């Protein structure tokens, strides 16, 4: 599980959500700059923030993390 892969899936989900990054940030409770850092820098959100982000984007944490359940 590489951070760059997680960031790529996060970018994809944000793009596909149709929501502006500013709105996603508001719904999650962080700044738009923080959302940008999650996608571009070596920063991963706290677990509670990550859970909110997944809910807002309507994706599972397993998908973002690249975990396949068998």
C-alpha atoms as a PDB file:
ATOM      1  CA  UNK A   1       0.000   0.000   0.000  1.00  0.00           C
ATOM      2  CA  UNK A   2       1.877   3.005  -1.339  1.00  0.00           C
ATOM      3  CA  UNK A   3       0.865   6.539  -0.363  1.00  0.00           C
ATOM      4  CA  UNK A   4       1.071   7.691  -3.991  1.00  0.00           C
ATOM      5  CA  UNK A   5      -1.454   4.991  -4.957  1.00  0.00           C
ATOM      6  CA  UNK A   6      -3.796   6.072  -2.168  1.00  0.00           C
ATOM      7  CA  UNK A   7      -3.459   9.676  -3.288  1.00  0.00           C
ATOM      8  CA  UNK A   8      -4.257   8.669  -6.857  1.00  0.00           C
ATOM      9  CA  UNK A   9      -7.439   6.873  -5.805  1.00  0.00           C
ATOM     10  CA  UNK A  10      -8.388   9.825  -3.609  1.00  0.00           C
ATOM     11  CA  UNK A  11      -7.893  12.253  -6.518  1.00  0.00           C
ATOM     12  CA  UNK A  12     -10.016  10.008  -8.737  1.00  0.00           C
ATOM     13  CA  UNK A  13     -12.844   9.825  -6.194  1.00  0.00           C
ATOM     14  CA  UNK A  14     -12.819  13.577  -5.666  1.00  0.00           C
ATOM     15  CA  UNK A  15     -12.955  14.185  -9.415  1.00  0.00           C
ATOM     16  CA  UNK A  16     -15.769  11.675  -9.862  1.00  0.00           C
ATOM     17  CA  UNK A  17     -17.779  13.057  -6.948  1.00  0.00           C
ATOM     18  CA  UNK A  18     -18.662  16.172  -8.917  1.00  0.00           C
ATOM     19  CA  UNK A  19     -18.240  18.251  -5.773  1.00  0.00           C
ATOM     20  CA  UNK A  20     -15.859  21.195  -5.663  1.00  0.00           C
ATOM     21  CA  UNK A  21     -12.857  20.621  -3.420  1.00  0.00           C
ATOM     22  CA  UNK A  22     -14.002  23.551  -1.269  1.00  0.00           C
ATOM     23  CA  UNK A  23     -17.357  21.841  -0.616  1.00  0.00           C
ATOM     24  CA  UNK A  24     -15.693  18.517   0.189  1.00  0.00           C
ATOM     25  CA  UNK A  25     -13.454  20.311   2.671  1.00  0.00           C
ATOM     26  CA  UNK A  26     -16.449  22.022   4.289  1.00  0.00           C
ATOM     27  CA  UNK A  27     -18.334  18.737   4.637  1.00  0.00           C
ATOM     28  CA  UNK A  28     -15.301  16.976   6.090  1.00  0.00           C
ATOM     29  CA  UNK A  29     -14.451  19.856   8.418  1.00  0.00           C
ATOM     30  CA  UNK A  30     -11.015  20.787   7.101  1.00  0.00           C
ATOM     31  CA  UNK A  31      -9.641  23.538   4.886  1.00  0.00           C
ATOM     32  CA  UNK A  32      -9.453  23.178   1.098  1.00  0.00           C
ATOM     33  CA  UNK A  33      -5.667  23.416   1.463  1.00  0.00           C
ATOM     34  CA  UNK A  34      -5.729  20.361   3.724  1.00  0.00           C
ATOM     35  CA  UNK A  35      -7.645  18.345   1.123  1.00  0.00           C
ATOM     36  CA  UNK A  36      -5.047  19.416  -1.436  1.00  0.00           C
ATOM     37  CA  UNK A  37      -2.238  18.260   0.866  1.00  0.00           C
ATOM     38  CA  UNK A  38      -3.879  14.845   1.233  1.00  0.00           C
ATOM     39  CA  UNK A  39      -3.768  14.482  -2.548  1.00  0.00           C
ATOM     40  CA  UNK A  40      -0.293  15.898  -3.218  1.00  0.00           C
ATOM     41  CA  UNK A  41       1.959  15.675  -0.172  1.00  0.00           C
ATOM     42  CA  UNK A  42       3.073  12.938   2.174  1.00  0.00           C
ATOM     43  CA  UNK A  43       0.185  13.604   4.528  1.00  0.00           C
ATOM     44  CA  UNK A  44      -2.561  11.179   5.459  1.00  0.00           C
ATOM     45  CA  UNK A  45      -5.708  12.312   7.283  1.00  0.00           C
ATOM     46  CA  UNK A  46      -6.445  11.316  10.869  1.00  0.00           C
ATOM     47  CA  UNK A  47      -8.729   8.285  11.028  1.00  0.00           C
ATOM     48  CA  UNK A  48     -11.841  10.272  11.949  1.00  0.00           C
ATOM     49  CA  UNK A  49     -11.193  12.703   9.091  1.00  0.00           C
ATOM     50  CA  UNK A  50     -10.517   9.809   6.723  1.00  0.00           C
ATOM     51  CA  UNK A  51     -13.849   8.220   7.692  1.00  0.00           C
ATOM     52  CA  UNK A  52     -15.681  11.502   7.024  1.00  0.00           C
ATOM     53  CA  UNK A  53     -13.901  11.880   3.687  1.00  0.00           C
ATOM     54  CA  UNK A  54     -14.985   8.393   2.632  1.00  0.00           C
ATOM     55  CA  UNK A  55     -18.588   9.142   3.623  1.00  0.00           C
ATOM     56  CA  UNK A  56     -18.620  12.448   1.721  1.00  0.00           C
ATOM     57  CA  UNK A  57     -17.130  10.779  -1.364  1.00  0.00           C
ATOM     58  CA  UNK A  58     -19.436   7.752  -0.979  1.00  0.00           C
ATOM     59  CA  UNK A  59     -16.579   5.257  -1.193  1.00  0.00           C
ATOM     60  CA  UNK A  60     -15.269   2.618   1.154  1.00  0.00           C
ATOM     61  CA  UNK A  61     -12.042   3.039   3.041  1.00  0.00           C
ATOM     62  CA  UNK A  62     -10.965  -0.306   1.558  1.00  0.00           C
ATOM     63  CA  UNK A  63     -11.190   1.175  -1.932  1.00  0.00           C
ATOM     64  CA  UNK A  64      -9.144   4.262  -1.064  1.00  0.00           C
ATOM     65  CA  UNK A  65      -6.560   2.107   0.726  1.00  0.00           C
ATOM     66  CA  UNK A  66      -6.454  -0.422  -2.105  1.00  0.00           C
ATOM     67  CA  UNK A  67      -7.537  -3.357   0.039  1.00  0.00           C
ATOM     68  CA  UNK A  68      -9.199  -6.219  -1.768  1.00  0.00           C
ATOM     69  CA  UNK A  69     -11.433  -8.435   0.326  1.00  0.00           C
ATOM     70  CA  UNK A  70     -11.733 -12.062  -0.690  1.00  0.00           C
END
